[in-house]
Amino acid sequence: MFARRFTIVCLLMSLFGMSFAILVAEAGRPNRQELARSWDQANSCRFGCPSHFRH
């Protein structure tokens, strides 16, 4: 009887731990708008780069 209760408690705690880990990982991840904005800023050419290259 004790082993069954212990198993149920352990399974519930591991489920809670995994869900909490998912929440923490998602909170640290930047949202898509911030990611797209930083990508656009990184790819902007400030030195008048040509739009096409001639050979």
C-alpha atoms as a PDB file:
ATOM      1  CA  MET A   1       0.000   0.000   0.000  1.00  0.00           C
ATOM      2  CA  PHE A   2       2.807   2.389   0.900  1.00  0.00           C
ATOM      3  CA  ALA A   3       4.705   1.558  -2.308  1.00  0.00           C
ATOM      4  CA  ARG A   4       1.632   2.351  -4.418  1.00  0.00           C
ATOM      5  CA  ARG A   5       1.147   5.738  -2.754  1.00  0.00           C
ATOM      6  CA  PHE A   6       4.841   6.514  -3.045  1.00  0.00           C
ATOM      7  CA  THR A   7       4.749   5.679  -6.766  1.00  0.00           C
ATOM      8  CA  ILE A   8       1.737   7.933  -7.328  1.00  0.00           C
ATOM      9  CA  VAL A   9       3.383  10.798  -5.440  1.00  0.00           C
ATOM     10  CA  CYS A  10       6.614  10.381  -7.417  1.00  0.00           C
ATOM     11  CA  LEU A  11       4.758  10.380 -10.737  1.00  0.00           C
ATOM     12  CA  LEU A  12       2.799  13.482  -9.798  1.00  0.00           C
ATOM     13  CA  MET A  13       5.942  15.280  -8.672  1.00  0.00           C
ATOM     14  CA  SER A  14       7.781  14.410 -11.887  1.00  0.00           C
ATOM     15  CA  LEU A  15       4.823  15.669 -13.921  1.00  0.00           C
ATOM     16  CA  PHE A  16       4.832  18.923 -11.963  1.00  0.00           C
ATOM     17  CA  GLY A  17       8.601  19.237 -12.381  1.00  0.00           C
ATOM     18  CA  MET A  18       8.434  18.773 -16.152  1.00  0.00           C
ATOM     19  CA  SER A  19       5.623  21.294 -16.541  1.00  0.00           C
ATOM     20  CA  PHE A  20       7.493  23.808 -14.394  1.00  0.00           C
ATOM     21  CA  ALA A  21      10.636  23.295 -16.491  1.00  0.00           C
ATOM     22  CA  ILE A  22       8.638  23.995 -19.660  1.00  0.00           C
ATOM     23  CA  LEU A  23       7.272  27.217 -18.168  1.00  0.00           C
ATOM     24  CA  VAL A  24      10.730  28.391 -17.136  1.00  0.00           C
ATOM     25  CA  ALA A  25      12.205  27.584 -20.554  1.00  0.00           C
ATOM     26  CA  GLU A  26       9.414  29.437 -22.378  1.00  0.00           C
ATOM     27  CA  ALA A  27       9.811  32.491 -20.152  1.00  0.00           C
ATOM     28  CA  GLY A  28      13.459  32.826 -21.099  1.00  0.00           C
ATOM     29  CA  ARG A  29      12.814  32.580 -24.827  1.00  0.00           C
ATOM     30  CA  PRO A  30      12.325  35.853 -26.785  1.00  0.00           C
ATOM     31  CA  ASN A  31       9.046  36.240 -28.601  1.00  0.00           C
ATOM     32  CA  ARG A  32       8.889  36.174 -32.395  1.00  0.00           C
ATOM     33  CA  GLN A  33       8.470  39.928 -32.840  1.00  0.00           C
ATOM     34  CA  GLU A  34      11.596  40.727 -30.859  1.00  0.00           C
ATOM     35  CA  LEU A  35      13.514  38.043 -32.729  1.00  0.00           C
ATOM     36  CA  ALA A  36      12.391  39.344 -36.139  1.00  0.00           C
ATOM     37  CA  ARG A  37      13.237  42.941 -35.169  1.00  0.00           C
ATOM     38  CA  SER A  38      16.752  41.998 -34.048  1.00  0.00           C
ATOM     39  CA  TRP A  39      17.245  39.971 -37.261  1.00  0.00           C
ATOM     40  CA  ASP A  40      16.225  42.972 -39.389  1.00  0.00           C
ATOM     41  CA  GLN A  41      18.544  45.268 -37.472  1.00  0.00           C
ATOM     42  CA  ALA A  42      21.444  42.858 -37.874  1.00  0.00           C
ATOM     43  CA  ASN A  43      20.910  42.540 -41.643  1.00  0.00           C
ATOM     44  CA  SER A  44      20.466  46.234 -42.378  1.00  0.00           C
ATOM     45  CA  CYS A  45      23.327  47.658 -44.354  1.00  0.00           C
ATOM     46  CA  ARG A  46      24.405  51.062 -43.065  1.00  0.00           C
ATOM     47  CA  PHE A  47      27.223  51.628 -45.573  1.00  0.00           C
ATOM     48  CA  GLY A  48      25.225  51.872 -48.818  1.00  0.00           C
ATOM     49  CA  CYS A  49      25.713  48.281 -49.912  1.00  0.00           C
ATOM     50  CA  PRO A  50      24.687  47.600 -53.515  1.00  0.00           C
ATOM     51  CA  SER A  51      21.498  45.637 -53.956  1.00  0.00           C
ATOM     52  CA  HIS A  52      23.058  43.549 -56.751  1.00  0.00           C
ATOM     53  CA  PHE A  53      26.579  42.734 -57.823  1.00  0.00           C
ATOM     54  CA  ARG A  54      27.847  43.213 -61.378  1.00  0.00           C
ATOM     55  CA  HIS A  55      30.555  41.005 -62.848  1.00  0.00           C
END
